[in-house]
Amino acid sequence: MSNYNLETETSTSHAGGVQSVDRAISVLEILAQRGEAGVSEVAAEIDVHKSTAFRLLGALEVRGLVEQAGER
């Protein structure tokens, strides 16, 4: 069993393929700061296409980490 080293993981995270995790955390940080944000706002803030932001928000919603404030 290997030990987890945060410094090592952080330094290799982008090369290691955890870009989606990084983006999801960025989405959570945006929502924590603003309280609310639309898909277009999130997409612009993290510099991704709206469909990518929509998928990220959907994944976070399924896990109960975000919720919609109104209709789509």
PDB file of N, CA and C in Angstrom:
ATOM      1  N   MET A   1       0.843  -1.180   0.000  1.00  0.00           N
ATOM      2  CA  MET A   1       0.000   0.000   0.000  1.00  0.00           C
ATOM      3  C   MET A   1       0.887   1.241   0.000  1.00  0.00           C
ATOM      4  N   SER A   2       0.608   2.186  -0.890  1.00  0.00           N
ATOM      5  CA  SER A   2       1.436   3.386  -0.966  1.00  0.00           C
ATOM      6  C   SER A   2       0.772   4.527  -0.205  1.00  0.00           C
ATOM      7  N   ASN A   3       1.598   5.453   0.211  1.00  0.00           N
ATOM      8  CA  ASN A   3       1.109   6.633   0.906  1.00  0.00           C
ATOM      9  C   ASN A   3       0.739   7.693  -0.110  1.00  0.00           C
ATOM     10  N   TYR A   4      -0.255   8.460   0.191  1.00  0.00           N
ATOM     11  CA  TYR A   4      -0.684   9.562  -0.664  1.00  0.00           C
ATOM     12  C   TYR A   4       0.094  10.796  -0.273  1.00  0.00           C
ATOM     13  N   ASN A   5       0.678  11.460  -1.254  1.00  0.00           N
ATOM     14  CA  ASN A   5       1.459  12.657  -1.005  1.00  0.00           C
ATOM     15  C   ASN A   5       0.816  13.809  -1.763  1.00  0.00           C
ATOM     16  N   LEU A   6       0.239  14.757  -1.044  1.00  0.00           N
ATOM     17  CA  LEU A   6      -0.478  15.863  -1.657  1.00  0.00           C
ATOM     18  C   LEU A   6       0.436  16.701  -2.540  1.00  0.00           C
ATOM     19  N   GLU A   7       1.656  16.976  -2.103  1.00  0.00           N
ATOM     20  CA  GLU A   7       2.561  17.783  -2.909  1.00  0.00           C
ATOM     21  C   GLU A   7       2.880  17.107  -4.229  1.00  0.00           C
ATOM     22  N   THR A   8       3.145  15.826  -4.208  1.00  0.00           N
ATOM     23  CA  THR A   8       3.439  15.096  -5.441  1.00  0.00           C
ATOM     24  C   THR A   8       2.222  15.081  -6.345  1.00  0.00           C
ATOM     25  N   GLU A   9       1.068  14.806  -5.799  1.00  0.00           N
ATOM     26  CA  GLU A   9      -0.153  14.749  -6.596  1.00  0.00           C
ATOM     27  C   GLU A   9      -0.476  16.108  -7.191  1.00  0.00           C
ATOM     28  N   THR A  10      -0.316  17.181  -6.430  1.00  0.00           N
ATOM     29  CA  THR A  10      -0.611  18.514  -6.929  1.00  0.00           C
ATOM     30  C   THR A  10       0.309  18.883  -8.080  1.00  0.00           C
ATOM     31  N   SER A  11       1.577  18.528  -7.967  1.00  0.00           N
ATOM     32  CA  SER A  11       2.519  18.905  -9.014  1.00  0.00           C
ATOM     33  C   SER A  11       2.301  18.139 -10.303  1.00  0.00           C
ATOM     34  N   THR A  12       1.652  16.991 -10.247  1.00  0.00           N
ATOM     35  CA  THR A  12       1.429  16.187 -11.451  1.00  0.00           C
ATOM     36  C   THR A  12      -0.035  16.116 -11.856  1.00  0.00           C
ATOM     37  N   SER A  13      -0.907  16.855 -11.182  1.00  0.00           N
ATOM     38  CA  SER A  13      -2.338  16.686 -11.409  1.00  0.00           C
ATOM     39  C   SER A  13      -2.755  17.005 -12.837  1.00  0.00           C
ATOM     40  N   HIS A  14      -2.227  18.040 -13.437  1.00  0.00           N
ATOM     41  CA  HIS A  14      -2.647  18.376 -14.790  1.00  0.00           C
ATOM     42  C   HIS A  14      -2.140  17.341 -15.783  1.00  0.00           C
ATOM     43  N   ALA A  15      -0.946  16.844 -15.585  1.00  0.00           N
ATOM     44  CA  ALA A  15      -0.406  15.819 -16.474  1.00  0.00           C
ATOM     45  C   ALA A  15      -1.063  14.478 -16.212  1.00  0.00           C
ATOM     46  N   GLY A  16      -1.602  14.288 -15.013  1.00  0.00           N
ATOM     47  CA  GLY A  16      -2.183  13.005 -14.635  1.00  0.00           C
ATOM     48  C   GLY A  16      -3.620  12.818 -15.065  1.00  0.00           C
ATOM     49  N   GLY A  17      -4.218  13.791 -15.732  1.00  0.00           N
ATOM     50  CA  GLY A  17      -5.560  13.617 -16.258  1.00  0.00           C
ATOM     51  C   GLY A  17      -6.682  13.920 -15.288  1.00  0.00           C
ATOM     52  N   VAL A  18      -6.480  14.794 -14.354  1.00  0.00           N
ATOM     53  CA  VAL A  18      -7.552  15.141 -13.424  1.00  0.00           C
ATOM     54  C   VAL A  18      -8.098  16.539 -13.717  1.00  0.00           C
ATOM     55  N   GLN A  19      -8.073  16.908 -14.983  1.00  0.00           N
ATOM     56  CA  GLN A  19      -8.567  18.217 -15.387  1.00  0.00           C
ATOM     57  C   GLN A  19     -10.041  18.401 -15.023  1.00  0.00           C
ATOM     58  N   SER A  20     -10.845  17.367 -15.161  1.00  0.00           N
ATOM     59  CA  SER A  20     -12.264  17.467 -14.819  1.00  0.00           C
ATOM     60  C   SER A  20     -12.467  17.733 -13.339  1.00  0.00           C
ATOM     61  N   VAL A  21     -11.663  17.113 -12.515  1.00  0.00           N
ATOM     62  CA  VAL A  21     -11.749  17.340 -11.073  1.00  0.00           C
ATOM     63  C   VAL A  21     -11.386  18.781 -10.762  1.00  0.00           C
ATOM     64  N   ASP A  22     -10.333  19.264 -11.369  1.00  0.00           N
ATOM     65  CA  ASP A  22      -9.908  20.648 -11.167  1.00  0.00           C
ATOM     66  C   ASP A  22     -11.006  21.613 -11.603  1.00  0.00           C
ATOM     67  N   ARG A  23     -11.620  21.333 -12.731  1.00  0.00           N
ATOM     68  CA  ARG A  23     -12.707  22.194 -13.220  1.00  0.00           C
ATOM     69  C   ARG A  23     -13.913  22.149 -12.290  1.00  0.00           C
ATOM     70  N   ALA A  24     -14.263  20.970 -11.805  1.00  0.00           N
ATOM     71  CA  ALA A  24     -15.405  20.842 -10.894  1.00  0.00           C
ATOM     72  C   ALA A  24     -15.164  21.630  -9.612  1.00  0.00           C
ATOM     73  N   ILE A  25     -13.943  21.579  -9.113  1.00  0.00           N
ATOM     74  CA  ILE A  25     -13.611  22.350  -7.907  1.00  0.00           C
ATOM     75  C   ILE A  25     -13.700  23.839  -8.202  1.00  0.00           C
ATOM     76  N   SER A  26     -13.256  24.243  -9.377  1.00  0.00           N
ATOM     77  CA  SER A  26     -13.367  25.650  -9.764  1.00  0.00           C
ATOM     78  C   SER A  26     -14.826  26.090  -9.812  1.00  0.00           C
ATOM     79  N   VAL A  27     -15.693  25.227 -10.329  1.00  0.00           N
ATOM     80  CA  VAL A  27     -17.131  25.531 -10.369  1.00  0.00           C
ATOM     81  C   VAL A  27     -17.659  25.719  -8.952  1.00  0.00           C
ATOM     82  N   LEU A  28     -17.292  24.832  -8.050  1.00  0.00           N
ATOM     83  CA  LEU A  28     -17.741  24.951  -6.658  1.00  0.00           C
ATOM     84  C   LEU A  28     -17.236  26.237  -6.025  1.00  0.00           C
ATOM     85  N   GLU A  29     -16.004  26.613  -6.323  1.00  0.00           N
ATOM     86  CA  GLU A  29     -15.450  27.867  -5.780  1.00  0.00           C
ATOM     87  C   GLU A  29     -16.207  29.077  -6.319  1.00  0.00           C
ATOM     88  N   ILE A  30     -16.535  29.057  -7.600  1.00  0.00           N
ATOM     89  CA  ILE A  30     -17.300  30.156  -8.203  1.00  0.00           C
ATOM     90  C   ILE A  30     -18.652  30.297  -7.518  1.00  0.00           C
ATOM     91  N   LEU A  31     -19.337  29.170  -7.339  1.00  0.00           N
ATOM     92  CA  LEU A  31     -20.655  29.209  -6.705  1.00  0.00           C
ATOM     93  C   LEU A  31     -20.563  29.613  -5.236  1.00  0.00           C
ATOM     94  N   ALA A  32     -19.500  29.209  -4.570  1.00  0.00           N
ATOM     95  CA  ALA A  32     -19.317  29.594  -3.165  1.00  0.00           C
ATOM     96  C   ALA A  32     -19.110  31.104  -3.045  1.00  0.00           C
ATOM     97  N   GLN A  33     -18.407  31.684  -3.997  1.00  0.00           N
ATOM     98  CA  GLN A  33     -18.146  33.125  -3.971  1.00  0.00           C
ATOM     99  C   GLN A  33     -19.377  33.943  -4.360  1.00  0.00           C
ATOM    100  N   ARG A  34     -20.073  33.504  -5.399  1.00  0.00           N
ATOM    101  CA  ARG A  34     -21.182  34.286  -5.960  1.00  0.00           C
ATOM    102  C   ARG A  34     -22.545  33.928  -5.393  1.00  0.00           C
ATOM    103  N   GLY A  35     -22.678  32.717  -4.912  1.00  0.00           N
ATOM    104  CA  GLY A  35     -23.978  32.256  -4.449  1.00  0.00           C
ATOM    105  C   GLY A  35     -24.776  31.625  -5.569  1.00  0.00           C
ATOM    106  N   GLU A  36     -24.808  32.264  -6.722  1.00  0.00           N
ATOM    107  CA  GLU A  36     -25.499  31.758  -7.904  1.00  0.00           C
ATOM    108  C   GLU A  36     -24.689  32.127  -9.136  1.00  0.00           C
ATOM    109  N   ALA A  37     -24.769  31.295 -10.149  1.00  0.00           N
ATOM    110  CA  ALA A  37     -24.166  31.607 -11.443  1.00  0.00           C
ATOM    111  C   ALA A  37     -24.818  30.727 -12.491  1.00  0.00           C
ATOM    112  N   GLY A  38     -25.032  31.283 -13.661  1.00  0.00           N
ATOM    113  CA  GLY A  38     -25.596  30.520 -14.767  1.00  0.00           C
ATOM    114  C   GLY A  38     -24.531  29.727 -15.496  1.00  0.00           C
ATOM    115  N   VAL A  39     -24.982  28.847 -16.363  1.00  0.00           N
ATOM    116  CA  VAL A  39     -24.064  28.008 -17.124  1.00  0.00           C
ATOM    117  C   VAL A  39     -23.104  28.867 -17.943  1.00  0.00           C
ATOM    118  N   SER A  40     -23.619  29.899 -18.579  1.00  0.00           N
ATOM    119  CA  SER A  40     -22.764  30.771 -19.393  1.00  0.00           C
ATOM    120  C   SER A  40     -21.706  31.463 -18.550  1.00  0.00           C
ATOM    121  N   GLU A  41     -22.092  31.916 -17.370  1.00  0.00           N
ATOM    122  CA  GLU A  41     -21.134  32.572 -16.473  1.00  0.00           C
ATOM    123  C   GLU A  41     -20.045  31.606 -16.021  1.00  0.00           C
ATOM    124  N   VAL A  42     -20.457  30.406 -15.648  1.00  0.00           N
ATOM    125  CA  VAL A  42     -19.498  29.393 -15.211  1.00  0.00           C
ATOM    126  C   VAL A  42     -18.544  29.055 -16.357  1.00  0.00           C
ATOM    127  N   ALA A  43     -19.105  28.858 -17.543  1.00  0.00           N
ATOM    128  CA  ALA A  43     -18.287  28.516 -18.705  1.00  0.00           C
ATOM    129  C   ALA A  43     -17.253  29.598 -18.989  1.00  0.00           C
ATOM    130  N   ALA A  44     -17.678  30.841 -18.947  1.00  0.00           N
ATOM    131  CA  ALA A  44     -16.747  31.950 -19.205  1.00  0.00           C
ATOM    132  C   ALA A  44     -15.661  32.019 -18.136  1.00  0.00           C
ATOM    133  N   GLU A  45     -16.059  31.816 -16.906  1.00  0.00           N
ATOM    134  CA  GLU A  45     -15.116  31.915 -15.788  1.00  0.00           C
ATOM    135  C   GLU A  45     -14.033  30.839 -15.846  1.00  0.00           C
ATOM    136  N   ILE A  46     -14.403  29.618 -16.211  1.00  0.00           N
ATOM    137  CA  ILE A  46     -13.405  28.542 -16.247  1.00  0.00           C
ATOM    138  C   ILE A  46     -12.892  28.282 -17.661  1.00  0.00           C
ATOM    139  N   ASP A  47     -13.336  29.124 -18.605  1.00  0.00           N
ATOM    140  CA  ASP A  47     -12.840  29.094 -19.984  1.00  0.00           C
ATOM    141  C   ASP A  47     -13.091  27.755 -20.674  1.00  0.00           C
ATOM    142  N   VAL A  48     -14.360  27.333 -20.630  1.00  0.00           N
ATOM    143  CA  VAL A  48     -14.768  26.115 -21.330  1.00  0.00           C
ATOM    144  C   VAL A  48     -16.036  26.414 -22.118  1.00  0.00           C
ATOM    145  N   HIS A  49     -16.397  25.514 -23.027  1.00  0.00           N
ATOM    146  CA  HIS A  49     -17.641  25.643 -23.779  1.00  0.00           C
ATOM    147  C   HIS A  49     -18.821  25.465 -22.825  1.00  0.00           C
ATOM    148  N   LYS A  50     -19.949  26.064 -23.170  1.00  0.00           N
ATOM    149  CA  LYS A  50     -21.142  25.953 -22.305  1.00  0.00           C
ATOM    150  C   LYS A  50     -21.572  24.513 -22.089  1.00  0.00           C
ATOM    151  N   SER A  51     -21.415  23.657 -23.085  1.00  0.00           N
ATOM    152  CA  SER A  51     -21.817  22.258 -22.917  1.00  0.00           C
ATOM    153  C   SER A  51     -20.956  21.562 -21.863  1.00  0.00           C
ATOM    154  N   THR A  52     -19.689  21.924 -21.787  1.00  0.00           N
ATOM    155  CA  THR A  52     -18.800  21.348 -20.764  1.00  0.00           C
ATOM    156  C   THR A  52     -19.220  21.816 -19.385  1.00  0.00           C
ATOM    157  N   ALA A  53     -19.510  23.105 -19.261  1.00  0.00           N
ATOM    158  CA  ALA A  53     -19.966  23.644 -17.980  1.00  0.00           C
ATOM    159  C   ALA A  53     -21.290  22.993 -17.568  1.00  0.00           C
ATOM    160  N   PHE A  54     -22.173  22.775 -18.540  1.00  0.00           N
ATOM    161  CA  PHE A  54     -23.456  22.141 -18.262  1.00  0.00           C
ATOM    162  C   PHE A  54     -23.253  20.725 -17.722  1.00  0.00           C
ATOM    163  N   ARG A  55     -22.349  19.971 -18.341  1.00  0.00           N
ATOM    164  CA  ARG A  55     -22.067  18.603 -17.877  1.00  0.00           C
ATOM    165  C   ARG A  55     -21.454  18.613 -16.479  1.00  0.00           C
ATOM    166  N   LEU A  56     -20.531  19.520 -16.228  1.00  0.00           N
ATOM    167  CA  LEU A  56     -19.927  19.616 -14.895  1.00  0.00           C
ATOM    168  C   LEU A  56     -20.986  19.934 -13.842  1.00  0.00           C
ATOM    169  N   LEU A  57     -21.823  20.910 -14.131  1.00  0.00           N
ATOM    170  CA  LEU A  57     -22.881  21.271 -13.183  1.00  0.00           C
ATOM    171  C   LEU A  57     -23.860  20.122 -12.977  1.00  0.00           C
ATOM    172  N   GLY A  58     -24.159  19.394 -14.042  1.00  0.00           N
ATOM    173  CA  GLY A  58     -25.051  18.240 -13.936  1.00  0.00           C
ATOM    174  C   GLY A  58     -24.471  17.161 -13.045  1.00  0.00           C
ATOM    175  N   ALA A  59     -23.178  16.894 -13.199  1.00  0.00           N
ATOM    176  CA  ALA A  59     -22.523  15.881 -12.367  1.00  0.00           C
ATOM    177  C   ALA A  59     -22.519  16.304 -10.906  1.00  0.00           C
ATOM    178  N   LEU A  60     -22.281  17.576 -10.661  1.00  0.00           N
ATOM    179  CA  LEU A  60     -22.290  18.078  -9.278  1.00  0.00           C
ATOM    180  C   LEU A  60     -23.698  18.048  -8.694  1.00  0.00           C
ATOM    181  N   GLU A  61     -24.693  18.312  -9.543  1.00  0.00           N
ATOM    182  CA  GLU A  61     -26.084  18.285  -9.087  1.00  0.00           C
ATOM    183  C   GLU A  61     -26.514  16.869  -8.700  1.00  0.00           C
ATOM    184  N   VAL A  62     -26.151  15.886  -9.517  1.00  0.00           N
ATOM    185  CA  VAL A  62     -26.504  14.488  -9.234  1.00  0.00           C
ATOM    186  C   VAL A  62     -25.956  14.068  -7.875  1.00  0.00           C
ATOM    187  N   ARG A  63     -24.807  14.586  -7.511  1.00  0.00           N
ATOM    188  CA  ARG A  63     -24.176  14.231  -6.237  1.00  0.00           C
ATOM    189  C   ARG A  63     -24.618  15.131  -5.079  1.00  0.00           C
ATOM    190  N   GLY A  64     -25.567  16.023  -5.360  1.00  0.00           N
ATOM    191  CA  GLY A  64     -26.120  16.864  -4.312  1.00  0.00           C
ATOM    192  C   GLY A  64     -25.213  18.003  -3.871  1.00  0.00           C
ATOM    193  N   LEU A  65     -24.237  18.364  -4.704  1.00  0.00           N
ATOM    194  CA  LEU A  65     -23.296  19.423  -4.331  1.00  0.00           C
ATOM    195  C   LEU A  65     -23.744  20.797  -4.792  1.00  0.00           C
ATOM    196  N   VAL A  66     -24.603  20.841  -5.808  1.00  0.00           N
ATOM    197  CA  VAL A  66     -25.205  22.090  -6.266  1.00  0.00           C
ATOM    198  C   VAL A  66     -26.657  21.820  -6.571  1.00  0.00           C
ATOM    199  N   GLU A  67     -27.428  22.885  -6.665  1.00  0.00           N
ATOM    200  CA  GLU A  67     -28.820  22.721  -7.055  1.00  0.00           C
ATOM    201  C   GLU A  67     -29.220  23.916  -7.909  1.00  0.00           C
ATOM    202  N   GLN A  68     -30.228  23.689  -8.745  1.00  0.00           N
ATOM    203  CA  GLN A  68     -30.714  24.753  -9.600  1.00  0.00           C
ATOM    204  C   GLN A  68     -31.624  25.671  -8.827  1.00  0.00           C
ATOM    205  N   ALA A  69     -31.487  26.945  -9.095  1.00  0.00           N
ATOM    206  CA  ALA A  69     -32.360  27.944  -8.491  1.00  0.00           C
ATOM    207  C   ALA A  69     -33.363  28.382  -9.549  1.00  0.00           C
ATOM    208  N   GLY A  70     -34.331  27.535  -9.866  1.00  0.00           N
ATOM    209  CA  GLY A  70     -35.340  27.851 -10.866  1.00  0.00           C
ATOM    210  C   GLY A  70     -35.326  26.861 -11.997  1.00  0.00           C
ATOM    211  N   GLU A  71     -36.062  27.189 -13.062  1.00  0.00           N
ATOM    212  CA  GLU A  71     -36.185  26.296 -14.197  1.00  0.00           C
ATOM    213  C   GLU A  71     -34.999  26.438 -15.130  1.00  0.00           C
ATOM    214  N   ARG A  72     -34.751  25.387 -15.921  1.00  0.00           N
ATOM    215  CA  ARG A  72     -33.685  25.441 -16.928  1.00  0.00           C
ATOM    216  C   ARG A  72     -34.127  26.278 -18.084  1.00  0.00           C
TER     217      ARG A  72
END
